[in-house]
Amino acid sequence: MTGRPGDRVGTAYHEWMDPVISALDSAAGTALVPPGRTVLLAVSGGADSMALLYGAAEAGPRHGWRVAVGHVHHGWRGREADRDLAFVREHARRLSLPFFFRKRDARGEALALKLSPEAGARHARYSALREIAEEAAADRIATAHQRDDRVETHLLARERRAGLSGLAGPRREREDGVVRPLLEVSRREILEFLDRRGIAHRRDASNGDMRLARNRIRREVARLVARRGEEALRELERDLERSSRERDAIESEFARNVLPRIFRGPGAVVADASYLESCGQALQRLAIERAAFPFALPGRAPLTGREREQILARLREGSDFRFEAGRRIRFDRKGSVLRVHPVRPRGREDAPGSNNPGKRSVMLVSGFVVPKESFR
């Protein structure tokens, strides 16, 4: 059974107290999804994405949103995945919203890229959504990540000893146009939203597969709450918020003071190594990760945490060094210049015309002199 976006039980309640609708109104008010824009909703058919779909259909008209629906068929659940596709297509039709989909071989992509099944599916999903967004002329891709997802991501990051970026959980907005307007809404509130409107949703059988890390973490959270009560969950959320605020402050300082001293040229990224020496460790870590990111393999971080710390130790020593990360990204420091680039195939550096040892041309980048050959 399903309801229409206009169906309401207590109009005033829905207008100012419903957590899903309030979150979407806030997304318009804070320009996360600015009024008048085209937004692609990533809809799997699960509870969270169905709340996003019907919430956006209800809130969208008063914000002037042009809403489109995107679905990614990962190709690994057979007929169940086919039914998910048909389910989402039918609900888009009922709401008179344009529908787009892509089929991907997520398992094949994971094997080819040497990723875990979860990472492979995530890589396939976002790649497909970017394609759909271009077709739909959407400048925002809204996903249905919610508050419980943030807690689970935080716990996974703890388990893997991730840095601040991981501990802070999913961002409300990414640089590639992906937004998450429901991050402050809990899973319980989403289920209540669907129940009040009589909206059906699909249940993914793989959610019970304990070989998948997120399912295992979800089970552990449920056990923790059963043992210690809701206060245990609130404590985790407070830790998460502290990490999120700290990440936001560091990234703001990075954008203001460090980013102007990092420059991307053809084939390399260069940075002001002397300035980086004077920064705090959190800013240094972020600078190293951002400088290496353009050369990361699909679906992978550019370097491990251990490699990052080894590079930072050498940077703080103040002398020249060369370090090659295991993912074939090289860090070279010469004087005040830190150069980051992919490792060239053997013999490439000796190719005729690859360097000009005669005249030493330079570029002025954000106040420090960079040899032009650094970008080759």
Foldseek 3Di string as FASTA:
>chain_A
DFFALVDDDDVVCVVPPQLLLPLVVVCCVVVVPDAQFEEEEEAQQALLSVSVVSSCLNNVVVRNYQYAYEYEQQPDPPVLSVVSVVVSVVVCVVSVHHYYYYYHPLVVQCVVLVHDSVLSSVLVSVVRVVVVCVVVVGQAYEYRAEQVQQLLQLVVCVVVVHDLVSNLGDDQADPSRYGYSHHHPDPVSSVVSCVRRVRDGDDDPCLCVVVDPSSVSVVVVVVVCVVPNCVVVVVSVVSNVVSNVVVVVLVVCCVVPFVLQWDAAAFKIKGQLVVLLVDDPVSVLVVVQVRQVVVCDRSDRSADPVLSVVVVVVSNVQAWDWDAGPRQWIWTDDHRMIMIGGHDPPPPCVDPPLDDVPDFDWDQGSHDIGTPSSND
